[in-house]
Amino acid sequence: MNADNSSEVPVPQVDQPAVLAAMELVMKWGQTPGGPEVLQMALGALEPQLNREHEALLRKLSMWEKADDQRARAERERQQLQFRTTSLIVGAILSVAVLAAGVYVAKDTWWLACLLCGPSLISMAAITLLRRHDKEAMRSVADAAKRATSAASQTQTP
């Protein structure tokens, strides 16, 4: 459309299947006795059925959307559970390994054992196993580790 004939209706392309079917339907109705009045009555009778079919289709689409949402939610929950389980296992293995390393080196280097079994172990366990990191708790653990280290260093000197 241009500015001169902006009121013109665009002409559909005749090679489209929907346009061909519509033109064929109009040609058949044009040949029936009664002409456009009969077509208008037929379309008026057909409209409630089309509305019911449309509403049924909308309900079906809504149910499909809800089912897709439920599937996506179930998949997210499954992935979160798998992640939590994996991190729990890894955290437990790391905590046991650090604790074992601290006990192993306790005879020779007490200060390394205090570091391994002290705040680093507790903070790693809190983060990986409990999924929490509280600054106040970590400060109190660090203070306790400092006191334990200083007490251990005073007893170790011959």
Protein backbone atom coordinates (compact mmCIF):
# COMPACT_ATOMS: atom_id res chain seq x y z
CA MET A 1 0.00 0.00 0.00
CA ASN A 2 1.14 3.49 -0.69
CA ALA A 3 -0.11 6.88 0.49
CA ASP A 4 -2.48 7.32 -2.50
CA ASN A 5 -4.50 4.13 -1.97
CA SER A 6 -4.15 3.49 1.79
CA SER A 7 -7.83 2.53 2.05
CA GLU A 8 -7.41 -0.43 -0.27
CA VAL A 9 -7.55 -3.92 1.22
CA PRO A 10 -4.46 -6.00 0.51
CA VAL A 11 -5.16 -8.83 -1.91
CA PRO A 12 -4.18 -12.26 -0.59
CA GLN A 13 -1.97 -14.45 -2.70
CA VAL A 14 -4.02 -17.05 -4.54
CA ASP A 15 -1.42 -19.83 -4.25
CA GLN A 16 -1.85 -20.17 -0.45
CA PRO A 17 -3.81 -23.32 0.55
CA ALA A 18 -6.06 -21.49 3.02
CA VAL A 19 -7.01 -18.87 0.41
CA LEU A 20 -7.70 -21.55 -2.18
CA ALA A 21 -9.94 -23.45 0.26
CA ALA A 22 -11.80 -20.25 1.19
CA MET A 23 -12.33 -19.33 -2.45
CA GLU A 24 -13.61 -22.81 -3.19
CA LEU A 25 -16.03 -22.60 -0.25
CA VAL A 26 -17.31 -19.19 -1.40
CA MET A 27 -17.83 -20.52 -4.92
CA LYS A 28 -19.90 -23.44 -3.61
CA TRP A 29 -22.02 -21.19 -1.39
CA GLY A 30 -22.47 -18.76 -4.24
CA GLN A 31 -24.09 -21.53 -6.31
CA THR A 32 -26.59 -22.57 -3.63
CA PRO A 33 -30.12 -21.19 -3.66
CA GLY A 34 -30.57 -18.41 -1.13
CA GLY A 35 -27.12 -16.91 -1.67
CA PRO A 36 -25.49 -14.81 1.05
CA GLU A 37 -28.43 -15.08 3.48
CA VAL A 38 -28.04 -18.83 3.70
CA LEU A 39 -24.28 -18.42 4.13
CA GLN A 40 -24.81 -15.95 6.96
CA MET A 41 -27.25 -18.35 8.71
CA ALA A 42 -24.83 -21.23 8.29
CA LEU A 43 -21.96 -19.19 9.70
CA GLY A 44 -24.17 -18.05 12.59
CA ALA A 45 -25.01 -21.68 13.41
CA LEU A 46 -21.36 -22.69 13.08
CA GLU A 47 -20.02 -19.96 15.39
CA PRO A 48 -21.04 -21.55 18.76
CA GLN A 49 -19.43 -24.83 17.76
CA LEU A 50 -16.22 -23.01 16.78
CA ASN A 51 -16.24 -21.15 20.10
CA ARG A 52 -16.59 -24.43 22.01
CA GLU A 53 -13.76 -25.99 20.03
CA HIS A 54 -11.61 -22.91 20.64
CA GLU A 55 -12.24 -23.03 24.40
CA ALA A 56 -11.47 -26.75 24.48
CA LEU A 57 -8.23 -26.12 22.63
CA LEU A 58 -7.32 -23.33 25.06
CA ARG A 59 -7.97 -25.66 28.02
CA LYS A 60 -5.85 -28.37 26.41
CA LEU A 61 -3.02 -25.90 25.79
CA SER A 62 -3.26 -24.73 29.39
CA MET A 63 -3.03 -28.31 30.64
CA TRP A 64 0.01 -28.94 28.40
CA GLU A 65 1.66 -25.80 29.76
CA LYS A 66 1.01 -26.90 33.35
CA ALA A 67 2.40 -30.36 32.58
CA ASP A 68 5.52 -28.81 31.04
CA ASP A 69 5.95 -26.59 34.11
CA GLN A 70 5.62 -29.61 36.40
CA ARG A 71 8.16 -31.57 34.36
CA ALA A 72 10.59 -28.66 34.43
CA ARG A 73 10.10 -28.23 38.19
CA ALA A 74 10.64 -31.96 38.77
CA GLU A 75 13.82 -31.87 36.66
CA ARG A 76 15.15 -28.86 38.60
CA GLU A 77 14.41 -30.59 41.91
CA ARG A 78 16.15 -33.75 40.70
CA GLN A 79 19.22 -31.78 39.66
CA GLN A 80 19.28 -29.90 42.98
CA LEU A 81 19.02 -33.16 44.90
CA GLN A 82 21.83 -34.67 42.85
CA PHE A 83 23.99 -31.58 43.44
CA ARG A 84 23.28 -31.61 47.19
CA THR A 85 24.06 -35.32 47.44
CA THR A 86 27.28 -34.97 45.48
CA SER A 87 28.48 -31.99 47.49
CA LEU A 88 27.59 -33.77 50.73
CA ILE A 89 29.68 -36.78 49.75
CA VAL A 90 32.60 -34.66 48.54
CA GLY A 91 32.46 -32.51 51.69
CA ALA A 92 32.42 -35.53 53.94
CA ILE A 93 35.37 -37.13 52.11
CA LEU A 94 37.37 -33.89 52.23
CA SER A 95 36.62 -33.38 55.91
CA VAL A 96 37.70 -36.91 56.79
CA ALA A 97 40.84 -36.55 54.65
CA VAL A 98 41.83 -33.25 56.30
CA LEU A 99 41.13 -34.71 59.75
CA ALA A 100 43.22 -37.80 58.95
CA ALA A 101 46.04 -35.62 57.67
CA GLY A 102 45.91 -33.54 60.85
CA VAL A 103 46.08 -36.62 63.04
CA TYR A 104 48.90 -38.08 60.93
CA VAL A 105 51.13 -35.01 61.21
CA ALA A 106 50.31 -34.35 64.89
CA LYS A 107 53.41 -36.23 66.16
CA ASP A 108 55.92 -34.26 64.12
CA THR A 109 54.38 -30.84 63.52
CA TRP A 110 51.77 -29.91 66.08
CA TRP A 111 51.17 -26.47 64.57
CA LEU A 112 50.21 -28.00 61.18
CA ALA A 113 47.86 -30.42 62.93
CA CYS A 114 46.23 -27.46 64.72
CA LEU A 115 45.77 -25.68 61.41
CA LEU A 116 44.38 -28.74 59.64
CA CYS A 117 42.03 -29.77 62.41
CA GLY A 118 41.08 -26.27 63.47
CA PRO A 119 39.11 -23.56 61.72
CA SER A 120 39.85 -24.77 58.21
CA LEU A 121 38.22 -28.12 58.90
CA ILE A 122 35.26 -26.59 60.66
CA SER A 123 34.70 -23.92 58.00
CA MET A 124 35.03 -26.46 55.18
CA ALA A 125 32.56 -28.77 56.90
CA ALA A 126 30.16 -25.91 57.58
CA ILE A 127 30.24 -24.72 54.00
CA THR A 128 30.09 -28.08 52.21
CA LEU A 129 27.97 -30.11 54.59
CA LEU A 130 25.71 -27.58 56.27
CA ARG A 131 25.66 -25.06 53.42
CA ARG A 132 26.11 -22.22 55.89
CA HIS A 133 28.83 -19.74 56.53
CA ASP A 134 28.34 -17.63 59.62
CA LYS A 135 31.03 -15.02 60.22
CA GLU A 136 30.48 -14.94 63.99
CA ALA A 137 30.80 -18.71 64.28
CA MET A 138 33.97 -18.67 62.20
CA ARG A 139 35.46 -15.92 64.40
CA SER A 140 34.74 -17.90 67.54
CA VAL A 141 36.26 -21.03 65.96
CA ALA A 142 39.35 -19.05 64.93
CA ASP A 143 39.69 -17.62 68.46
CA ALA A 144 39.40 -21.10 69.93
CA ALA A 145 42.02 -22.36 67.47
CA LYS A 146 44.39 -19.54 68.46
CA ARG A 147 43.95 -20.37 72.13
CA ALA A 148 44.49 -24.06 71.44
CA THR A 149 47.59 -23.33 69.35
CA SER A 150 49.08 -21.08 71.99
CA ALA A 151 48.32 -23.64 74.71
CA ALA A 152 49.86 -26.41 72.61
CA SER A 153 52.95 -24.35 71.91
CA GLN A 154 53.51 -23.68 75.62
CA THR A 155 53.29 -27.34 76.52
CA GLN A 156 55.53 -28.48 73.63
CA THR A 157 58.62 -26.53 74.66
CA PRO A 158 61.00 -28.74 76.70
